[in-house]
Amino acid sequence: MDINVKAIKFDATDKLQEFIQKKVGKLDKFCDDIRKIEVSLKVVKPATAQNKEVSIAVTLPGNEIHVEKLSDTFEEAITQSLPILERQLVKYKEKQSQK
């Protein structure tokens, strides 16, 4: 499983990248078919609250799961996105097992 982290118009710290790798890397427990995960980080309107946008795209054979979250911190947005992705991966796996 390949995890790509893209920080748009800023440099993500090593600590943030390690956090993302650790948290997102756990998604393979829910589905073995994950080929690639793309995580995009973006700051929207820097002077406002809830200005950190995280977009996570999980590439599966013949399918892609996508989640976007806005929050005060990137860590919080990623933590909020993971349960949504986990549910979608479980649904995907159930559909595959029915075929």
Protein backbone atom coordinates (compact mmCIF):
# COMPACT_ATOMS: atom_id res chain seq x y z
CA MET A 1 0.00 0.00 0.00
CA ASP A 2 1.39 3.34 -1.09
CA ILE A 3 0.60 6.46 0.98
CA ASN A 4 1.21 9.85 -0.68
CA VAL A 5 0.95 13.08 1.34
CA LYS A 6 0.57 16.36 -0.55
CA ALA A 7 0.70 19.68 1.28
CA ILE A 8 -0.72 22.36 -1.00
CA LYS A 9 1.04 25.76 -0.75
CA PHE A 10 2.87 24.94 2.50
CA ASP A 11 5.39 22.45 3.88
CA ALA A 12 4.05 19.72 6.16
CA THR A 13 6.23 19.02 9.18
CA ASP A 14 7.85 15.63 9.67
CA LYS A 15 5.73 15.14 12.79
CA LEU A 16 2.52 15.70 10.79
CA GLN A 17 3.67 13.35 8.03
CA GLU A 18 4.50 10.62 10.58
CA PHE A 19 1.06 11.09 12.19
CA ILE A 20 -0.63 10.70 8.80
CA GLN A 21 1.42 7.61 7.88
CA LYS A 22 0.64 6.00 11.25
CA LYS A 23 -3.11 6.72 11.25
CA VAL A 24 -3.85 6.13 7.56
CA GLY A 25 -1.62 3.04 7.49
CA LYS A 26 -4.09 1.29 9.79
CA LEU A 27 -6.75 1.26 7.04
CA ASP A 28 -5.26 -1.90 5.55
CA LYS A 29 -6.80 -3.81 8.50
CA PHE A 30 -10.22 -3.14 6.99
CA CYS A 31 -9.45 -4.07 3.39
CA ASP A 32 -6.51 -5.91 1.79
CA ASP A 33 -7.22 -4.55 -1.72
CA ILE A 34 -6.00 -0.98 -1.07
CA ARG A 35 -3.56 0.00 -3.79
CA LYS A 36 -2.88 3.64 -3.00
CA ILE A 37 -3.91 6.36 -0.54
CA GLU A 38 -3.58 10.05 -1.41
CA VAL A 39 -3.80 12.59 1.43
CA SER A 40 -4.06 16.27 0.43
CA LEU A 41 -3.63 19.00 3.04
CA LYS A 42 -4.74 22.56 2.38
CA VAL A 43 -5.18 25.74 4.44
CA VAL A 44 -8.38 27.57 3.50
CA LYS A 45 -8.65 31.27 4.47
CA PRO A 46 -5.75 31.26 6.97
CA ALA A 47 -7.28 33.80 9.41
CA THR A 48 -10.46 31.83 10.18
CA ALA A 49 -11.33 28.91 12.45
CA GLN A 50 -11.94 25.52 10.84
CA ASN A 51 -9.48 26.38 8.09
CA LYS A 52 -7.57 23.09 7.68
CA GLU A 53 -8.90 20.92 4.85
CA VAL A 54 -7.94 17.26 4.54
CA SER A 55 -8.88 15.21 1.51
CA ILE A 56 -8.21 11.45 1.54
CA ALA A 57 -8.63 9.30 -1.58
CA VAL A 58 -8.33 5.52 -1.27
CA THR A 59 -7.77 3.67 -4.56
CA LEU A 60 -9.18 0.16 -4.77
CA PRO A 61 -9.45 -2.21 -7.75
CA GLY A 62 -12.24 -0.71 -9.87
CA ASN A 63 -13.26 1.81 -7.21
CA GLU A 64 -12.16 4.92 -5.29
CA ILE A 65 -13.32 6.13 -1.89
CA HIS A 66 -13.00 9.84 -1.17
CA VAL A 67 -13.48 11.85 2.07
CA GLU A 68 -12.99 15.56 2.77
CA LYS A 69 -13.03 17.20 6.19
CA LEU A 70 -12.56 20.74 7.53
CA SER A 71 -11.27 21.28 11.06
CA ASP A 72 -9.11 23.46 13.31
CA THR A 73 -6.08 21.16 12.92
CA PHE A 74 -4.96 18.65 10.32
CA GLU A 75 -4.69 15.95 12.98
CA GLU A 76 -8.29 16.48 14.04
CA ALA A 77 -9.54 16.40 10.43
CA ILE A 78 -7.69 13.13 9.77
CA THR A 79 -8.99 11.59 13.00
CA GLN A 80 -12.56 12.55 11.97
CA SER A 81 -12.10 11.13 8.45
CA LEU A 82 -10.87 7.69 9.47
CA PRO A 83 -14.15 6.25 10.86
CA ILE A 84 -15.93 7.29 7.64
CA LEU A 85 -13.28 5.59 5.51
CA GLU A 86 -13.35 2.50 7.72
CA ARG A 87 -17.13 2.12 7.25
CA GLN A 88 -16.82 2.57 3.48
CA LEU A 89 -14.00 0.01 3.28
CA VAL A 90 -16.05 -2.53 5.26
CA LYS A 91 -18.99 -1.98 2.85
CA TYR A 92 -16.65 -2.40 -0.13
CA LYS A 93 -15.24 -5.63 1.30
CA GLU A 94 -18.75 -6.99 1.98
CA LYS A 95 -19.79 -6.26 -1.61
CA GLN A 96 -16.68 -7.99 -2.94
CA SER A 97 -17.31 -11.09 -0.84
CA GLN A 98 -20.88 -11.34 -2.18
CA LYS A 99 -19.67 -11.55 -5.79
